[in-house]
Amino acid sequence: MALNEKEEAINKLIGERISRCYHQLCDEYAEDWGWEGAKEDLQLYYATGYLLSTGDQWPNWYEGTEFKLLRDEMMK
């Protein structure tokens, strides 16, 4: 369900490309592709790495999971 006409046109174009070229010979990079999604991903990865590298808390397994004991032993 499109929110507006512009979004509907974009969804139609994407649908056509996917149905015609996805995992086919014509499935190649196109100059008209935007980079906003990749940029947002990289900003998220950077922010995550920055917070992990400057903070004093690290991700860990939940209590009771099979890998928590192994991780705790490895960190000694």
C-alpha atoms as a PDB file:
ATOM      1  CA  MET A   1       0.000   0.000   0.000  1.00  0.00           C
ATOM      2  CA  ALA A   2       1.553   3.254  -1.156  1.00  0.00           C
ATOM      3  CA  LEU A   3       1.338   6.429   0.874  1.00  0.00           C
ATOM      4  CA  ASN A   4       1.336   8.729  -2.137  1.00  0.00           C
ATOM      5  CA  GLU A   5       1.717   8.777  -5.914  1.00  0.00           C
ATOM      6  CA  LYS A   6       5.504   9.151  -5.803  1.00  0.00           C
ATOM      7  CA  GLU A   7       5.863   6.122  -3.534  1.00  0.00           C
ATOM      8  CA  GLU A   8       3.476   4.154  -5.735  1.00  0.00           C
ATOM      9  CA  ALA A   9       5.601   4.958  -8.820  1.00  0.00           C
ATOM     10  CA  ILE A  10       8.781   3.939  -6.994  1.00  0.00           C
ATOM     11  CA  ASN A  11       7.214   0.662  -5.839  1.00  0.00           C
ATOM     12  CA  LYS A  12       6.095  -0.065  -9.406  1.00  0.00           C
ATOM     13  CA  LEU A  13       9.588   0.576 -10.790  1.00  0.00           C
ATOM     14  CA  ILE A  14      11.227  -1.592  -8.133  1.00  0.00           C
ATOM     15  CA  GLY A  15       8.697  -4.367  -8.725  1.00  0.00           C
ATOM     16  CA  GLU A  16       9.378  -4.306 -12.454  1.00  0.00           C
ATOM     17  CA  ARG A  17      13.137  -4.450 -11.972  1.00  0.00           C
ATOM     18  CA  ILE A  18      12.897  -7.300  -9.490  1.00  0.00           C
ATOM     19  CA  SER A  19      10.551  -9.348 -11.653  1.00  0.00           C
ATOM     20  CA  ARG A  20      12.661  -8.743 -14.775  1.00  0.00           C
ATOM     21  CA  CYS A  21      16.258  -8.782 -13.513  1.00  0.00           C
ATOM     22  CA  TYR A  22      16.558 -10.276 -10.015  1.00  0.00           C
ATOM     23  CA  HIS A  23      19.262 -12.970 -10.223  1.00  0.00           C
ATOM     24  CA  GLN A  24      19.262 -12.742 -14.002  1.00  0.00           C
ATOM     25  CA  LEU A  25      21.951 -11.588 -16.450  1.00  0.00           C
ATOM     26  CA  CYS A  26      20.603  -8.032 -16.307  1.00  0.00           C
ATOM     27  CA  ASP A  27      20.959  -7.923 -12.479  1.00  0.00           C
ATOM     28  CA  GLU A  28      23.727  -5.321 -12.402  1.00  0.00           C
ATOM     29  CA  TYR A  29      24.560  -2.042 -10.698  1.00  0.00           C
ATOM     30  CA  ALA A  30      22.695   0.924 -12.141  1.00  0.00           C
ATOM     31  CA  GLU A  31      23.904   4.540 -12.008  1.00  0.00           C
ATOM     32  CA  ASP A  32      20.472   5.750 -10.890  1.00  0.00           C
ATOM     33  CA  TRP A  33      20.509   3.766  -7.650  1.00  0.00           C
ATOM     34  CA  GLY A  34      20.571   5.818  -4.490  1.00  0.00           C
ATOM     35  CA  TRP A  35      23.078   5.304  -1.707  1.00  0.00           C
ATOM     36  CA  GLU A  36      20.946   6.487   1.215  1.00  0.00           C
ATOM     37  CA  GLY A  37      20.256   2.968   2.528  1.00  0.00           C
ATOM     38  CA  ALA A  38      23.942   1.997   2.448  1.00  0.00           C
ATOM     39  CA  LYS A  39      24.847   5.312   4.082  1.00  0.00           C
ATOM     40  CA  GLU A  40      22.356   4.716   6.898  1.00  0.00           C
ATOM     41  CA  ASP A  41      23.704   1.188   7.411  1.00  0.00           C
ATOM     42  CA  LEU A  42      27.273   2.474   7.672  1.00  0.00           C
ATOM     43  CA  GLN A  43      26.223   5.184  10.132  1.00  0.00           C
ATOM     44  CA  LEU A  44      24.573   2.524  12.286  1.00  0.00           C
ATOM     45  CA  TYR A  45      27.659   0.276  12.164  1.00  0.00           C
ATOM     46  CA  TYR A  46      29.925   3.196  13.045  1.00  0.00           C
ATOM     47  CA  ALA A  47      27.732   4.286  15.953  1.00  0.00           C
ATOM     48  CA  THR A  48      27.545   0.721  17.268  1.00  0.00           C
ATOM     49  CA  GLY A  49      31.319   0.267  17.053  1.00  0.00           C
ATOM     50  CA  TYR A  50      31.917   3.643  18.666  1.00  0.00           C
ATOM     51  CA  LEU A  51      29.614   2.885  21.584  1.00  0.00           C
ATOM     52  CA  LEU A  52      31.206  -0.519  22.112  1.00  0.00           C
ATOM     53  CA  SER A  53      34.746   0.836  21.928  1.00  0.00           C
ATOM     54  CA  THR A  54      34.193   3.766  24.285  1.00  0.00           C
ATOM     55  CA  GLY A  55      31.803   2.180  26.761  1.00  0.00           C
ATOM     56  CA  ASP A  56      32.300  -0.212  29.621  1.00  0.00           C
ATOM     57  CA  GLN A  57      29.437  -2.553  28.721  1.00  0.00           C
ATOM     58  CA  TRP A  58      29.688  -5.329  26.166  1.00  0.00           C
ATOM     59  CA  PRO A  59      27.074  -7.548  24.553  1.00  0.00           C
ATOM     60  CA  ASN A  60      26.628 -10.817  26.380  1.00  0.00           C
ATOM     61  CA  TRP A  61      24.521 -13.947  26.296  1.00  0.00           C
ATOM     62  CA  TYR A  62      21.360 -14.082  28.372  1.00  0.00           C
ATOM     63  CA  GLU A  63      21.497 -16.050  31.610  1.00  0.00           C
ATOM     64  CA  GLY A  64      20.705 -19.693  31.010  1.00  0.00           C
ATOM     65  CA  THR A  65      21.759 -19.831  27.361  1.00  0.00           C
ATOM     66  CA  GLU A  66      24.126 -22.610  26.360  1.00  0.00           C
ATOM     67  CA  PHE A  67      26.874 -20.237  25.237  1.00  0.00           C
ATOM     68  CA  LYS A  68      27.018 -17.938  28.275  1.00  0.00           C
ATOM     69  CA  LEU A  69      29.207 -20.278  30.342  1.00  0.00           C
ATOM     70  CA  LEU A  70      31.610 -20.742  27.412  1.00  0.00           C
ATOM     71  CA  ARG A  71      31.815 -16.971  26.854  1.00  0.00           C
ATOM     72  CA  ASP A  72      32.383 -16.274  30.553  1.00  0.00           C
ATOM     73  CA  GLU A  73      35.202 -18.838  30.678  1.00  0.00           C
ATOM     74  CA  MET A  74      36.788 -17.406  27.558  1.00  0.00           C
ATOM     75  CA  MET A  75      36.773 -13.871  29.031  1.00  0.00           C
ATOM     76  CA  LYS A  76      38.752 -14.866  32.169  1.00  0.00           C
END
